Amino acid sequence: MNINDVIIRHEKENERREVENLIREAFWNVYRPGCSEHYVIHVLRDDPAFVSELNFVMEKDGRIIGQNMFMKTVIEKDGGGVVDVLTMGPICVTPELKRRGYGKIILDYSLERAAEMGFGAVLFEGNILFYGKSGFTYSSEFGIRYHDLPEGADASFFLCKELRTGYLDGVTGVYQTPQGYYVSDEDVERFDRDFPPKQKLKLPGQLF
């Protein structure tokens, strides 16, 4: 695949529903029957922590095939104080083009832009087998814990990448997920009625 085959740019306001539908298609029945990610981005765009300068889409042959976005959040330091960081996602590629390298292209591009803006680190929930290829590692290696996770519980889903080397040196504490990511099932159901009907399935490997 040639990186010149795609264009990465900011999402336009008149593309919001198209992007939401892309996200819906990408996440449908993946982590739960149906999905909520398309509603999550709908809500997050109006959140004060949303970084509009880091809200990207990937276009191929005039069609949007991928997206990524970022939110500001904090690490609450042990002993007091906070450290400003980013979190990321939803991030996705249209289902028929998954596992062809497009996801890594938009991921690496958006991380580079975040670094250029001066942000110090990105922490989020993801699969190390994919995100490790772009420099993410386990957040525990930085001494950062996931909020509300019991001591000793598996935290291998919680990943971190420094955008500025040494930004998290000497930092230990608890990462806080922005509140905008928490949406109710009722609100998701109501929002989803405006999209074409899709069958919800309970499948092996789903988390919820």
Protein backbone atom coordinates (compact mmCIF):
# COMPACT_ATOMS: atom_id res chain seq x y z
CA MET A 1 0.00 0.00 0.00
CA ASN A 2 1.24 3.48 -0.90
CA ILE A 3 0.82 6.20 1.72
CA ASN A 4 0.20 8.58 -1.18
CA ASP A 5 -3.07 6.73 -1.81
CA VAL A 6 -4.70 8.56 1.12
CA ILE A 7 -5.29 12.09 2.38
CA ILE A 8 -5.44 12.83 6.12
CA ARG A 9 -7.17 16.08 7.06
CA HIS A 10 -9.44 17.64 9.65
CA GLU A 11 -13.04 16.53 9.84
CA LYS A 12 -15.50 19.03 8.36
CA GLU A 13 -18.72 19.87 10.17
CA ASN A 14 -20.87 18.65 7.28
CA GLU A 15 -19.14 15.24 7.46
CA ARG A 16 -20.06 14.48 11.04
CA ARG A 17 -22.87 12.04 10.32
CA GLU A 18 -20.76 10.27 7.68
CA VAL A 19 -17.98 9.83 10.24
CA GLU A 20 -20.42 8.63 12.88
CA ASN A 21 -21.74 6.02 10.48
CA LEU A 22 -18.17 4.93 9.68
CA ILE A 23 -17.49 4.47 13.39
CA ARG A 24 -20.77 2.59 13.84
CA GLU A 25 -19.88 0.18 11.05
CA ALA A 26 -16.37 -0.34 12.41
CA PHE A 27 -17.39 -1.06 16.01
CA TRP A 28 -20.73 -2.81 15.53
CA ASN A 29 -20.84 -6.07 17.56
CA VAL A 30 -17.08 -5.85 18.25
CA TYR A 31 -16.97 -5.12 22.00
CA ARG A 32 -20.67 -5.54 22.77
CA PRO A 33 -23.90 -6.25 20.90
CA GLY A 34 -24.29 -3.13 18.79
CA CYS A 35 -21.96 -0.29 19.79
CA SER A 36 -21.85 3.11 21.46
CA GLU A 37 -18.74 4.66 19.89
CA HIS A 38 -20.66 6.59 17.22
CA TYR A 39 -22.66 8.31 19.94
CA VAL A 40 -19.55 8.89 22.04
CA ILE A 41 -17.89 10.99 19.31
CA HIS A 42 -21.19 12.80 18.76
CA VAL A 43 -21.10 13.88 22.41
CA LEU A 44 -17.36 14.52 22.65
CA ARG A 45 -17.25 17.05 19.82
CA ASP A 46 -19.04 19.50 22.14
CA ASP A 47 -16.94 18.67 25.20
CA PRO A 48 -14.52 21.39 26.40
CA ALA A 49 -11.75 18.75 26.55
CA PHE A 50 -12.14 17.90 22.85
CA VAL A 51 -9.09 18.89 20.77
CA SER A 52 -10.57 20.03 17.47
CA GLU A 53 -7.10 20.50 15.96
CA LEU A 54 -6.54 16.75 16.40
CA ASN A 55 -9.84 15.55 14.94
CA PHE A 56 -8.78 13.77 11.75
CA VAL A 57 -10.31 11.79 8.93
CA MET A 58 -8.56 9.67 6.31
CA GLU A 59 -9.81 9.92 2.73
CA LYS A 60 -9.19 7.51 -0.15
CA ASP A 61 -10.59 8.01 -3.64
CA GLY A 62 -12.86 10.76 -2.34
CA ARG A 63 -14.34 8.60 0.43
CA ILE A 64 -13.71 8.78 4.19
CA ILE A 65 -12.22 5.44 5.26
CA GLY A 66 -10.79 6.21 8.71
CA GLN A 67 -10.71 8.65 11.60
CA ASN A 68 -9.03 9.49 14.91
CA MET A 69 -9.56 12.11 17.60
CA PHE A 70 -8.11 13.20 20.96
CA MET A 71 -9.32 14.53 24.31
CA LYS A 72 -7.46 16.39 27.04
CA THR A 73 -7.35 14.74 30.46
CA VAL A 74 -5.05 14.41 33.49
CA ILE A 75 -3.05 12.11 35.67
CA GLU A 76 -3.75 12.77 39.33
CA LYS A 77 -0.31 12.56 40.88
CA ASP A 78 0.39 10.63 44.04
CA GLY A 79 0.90 13.28 46.69
CA GLY A 80 -1.16 15.93 44.91
CA GLY A 81 -1.28 17.89 41.70
CA VAL A 82 -2.05 16.84 38.13
CA VAL A 83 -0.16 16.22 34.90
CA ASP A 84 -1.87 17.18 31.65
CA VAL A 85 -2.07 14.38 29.07
CA LEU A 86 -4.17 13.29 26.12
CA THR A 87 -6.40 10.33 25.56
CA MET A 88 -7.44 9.05 22.16
CA GLY A 89 -10.33 7.56 20.26
CA PRO A 90 -12.53 6.32 18.93
CA ILE A 91 -10.08 5.49 16.16
CA CYS A 92 -11.14 3.25 13.29
CA VAL A 93 -10.84 2.21 9.67
CA THR A 94 -13.75 1.05 7.52
CA PRO A 95 -14.21 -2.72 8.06
CA GLU A 96 -13.37 -3.80 4.50
CA LEU A 97 -9.96 -2.09 4.71
CA LYS A 98 -8.87 -3.30 8.13
CA ARG A 99 -5.49 -5.04 8.53
CA ARG A 100 -4.05 -3.32 5.46
CA GLY A 101 -1.98 -0.69 7.24
CA TYR A 102 -4.37 2.23 7.04
CA GLY A 103 -4.95 2.31 10.80
CA LYS A 104 -1.25 2.72 11.52
CA ILE A 105 -0.97 5.50 8.96
CA ILE A 106 -3.63 7.70 10.56
CA LEU A 107 -2.46 6.75 14.06
CA ASP A 108 1.16 7.75 13.41
CA TYR A 109 0.13 10.92 11.59
CA SER A 110 -2.16 12.07 14.39
CA LEU A 111 0.43 11.29 17.07
CA GLU A 112 3.00 13.37 15.20
CA ARG A 113 0.58 16.31 15.03
CA ALA A 114 -0.15 15.99 18.76
CA ALA A 115 3.58 16.09 19.50
CA GLU A 116 4.01 19.15 17.28
CA MET A 117 1.31 20.91 19.32
CA GLY A 118 3.37 20.33 22.44
CA PHE A 119 1.37 17.62 24.19
CA GLY A 120 3.51 15.38 26.38
CA ALA A 121 1.86 11.96 26.47
CA VAL A 122 -1.13 9.90 25.31
CA LEU A 123 -2.79 7.29 27.51
CA PHE A 124 -5.72 5.13 26.46
CA GLU A 125 -7.22 1.65 26.30
CA GLY A 126 -6.06 -0.56 23.44
CA ASN A 127 -4.36 -3.71 22.21
CA ILE A 128 -0.57 -3.67 22.64
CA LEU A 129 -0.14 -5.97 19.62
CA PHE A 130 -1.32 -3.15 17.35
CA TYR A 131 -0.46 0.03 19.23
CA GLY A 132 2.95 -1.23 20.31
CA LYS A 133 4.02 -0.87 16.68
CA SER A 134 3.55 2.89 17.07
CA GLY A 135 5.53 3.20 20.28
CA PHE A 136 2.90 2.54 22.94
CA THR A 137 3.78 0.45 25.96
CA TYR A 138 2.03 -0.56 29.17
CA SER A 139 1.17 2.44 31.34
CA SER A 140 2.32 0.50 34.39
CA GLU A 141 5.88 0.90 33.12
CA PHE A 142 5.47 4.64 33.78
CA GLY A 143 3.90 4.13 37.20
CA ILE A 144 0.49 5.24 35.96
CA ARG A 145 -2.59 3.39 37.19
CA TYR A 146 -6.04 3.17 35.63
CA HIS A 147 -8.80 4.73 37.73
CA ASP A 148 -11.18 2.39 39.57
CA LEU A 149 -9.12 -0.70 38.65
CA PRO A 150 -8.62 -2.98 41.69
CA GLU A 151 -5.04 -3.58 42.77
CA GLY A 152 -3.61 -6.65 41.07
CA ALA A 153 -6.20 -6.63 38.25
CA ASP A 154 -5.07 -7.07 34.66
CA ALA A 155 -4.14 -3.64 33.29
CA SER A 156 -2.58 -4.82 30.03
CA PHE A 157 -5.26 -2.89 28.10
CA PHE A 158 -4.04 0.43 29.52
CA LEU A 159 -1.35 1.89 27.26
CA CYS A 160 0.88 4.95 27.18
CA LYS A 161 3.15 6.75 24.74
CA GLU A 162 5.33 9.71 25.62
CA LEU A 163 5.25 12.37 22.93
CA ARG A 164 8.06 14.26 24.66
CA THR A 165 10.83 12.04 25.98
CA GLY A 166 10.98 12.21 29.78
CA TYR A 167 7.62 13.95 30.15
CA LEU A 168 6.46 11.35 32.68
CA ASP A 169 9.79 10.94 34.48
CA GLY A 170 9.14 10.79 38.21
CA VAL A 171 5.36 10.82 37.73
CA THR A 172 3.22 8.23 39.46
CA GLY A 173 -0.50 8.49 39.84
CA VAL A 174 -3.96 7.70 38.54
CA TYR A 175 -5.22 8.39 35.04
CA GLN A 176 -8.73 9.80 34.73
CA THR A 177 -10.95 9.00 31.74
CA PRO A 178 -12.79 12.15 30.58
CA GLN A 179 -16.39 12.06 31.74
CA GLY A 180 -17.67 12.56 28.21
CA TYR A 181 -16.82 8.95 27.37
CA TYR A 182 -19.45 7.72 29.82
CA VAL A 183 -22.78 7.59 28.00
CA SER A 184 -26.01 5.89 28.99
CA ASP A 185 -27.41 2.92 27.11
CA GLU A 186 -30.72 4.76 26.82
CA ASP A 187 -29.10 7.74 25.10
CA VAL A 188 -27.19 5.42 22.76
CA GLU A 189 -30.37 3.58 21.81
CA ARG A 190 -32.20 6.83 21.13
CA PHE A 191 -29.36 8.16 18.98
CA ASP A 192 -28.97 4.90 17.07
CA ARG A 193 -32.57 5.03 15.81
CA ASP A 194 -31.49 7.68 13.30
CA PHE A 195 -29.21 5.18 11.54
CA PRO A 196 -30.09 2.24 9.26
CA PRO A 197 -31.22 -0.82 11.26
CA LYS A 198 -28.51 -3.36 12.12
CA GLN A 199 -28.77 -6.64 14.04
CA LYS A 200 -27.17 -6.76 17.46
CA LEU A 201 -25.36 -10.03 18.14
CA LYS A 202 -23.75 -11.50 21.24
CA LEU A 203 -20.44 -12.88 19.97
CA PRO A 204 -17.43 -14.64 21.54
CA GLY A 205 -14.71 -12.26 22.64
CA GLN A 206 -16.98 -9.29 23.34
CA LEU A 207 -16.11 -7.42 26.53
CA PHE A 208 -19.62 -6.36 27.52
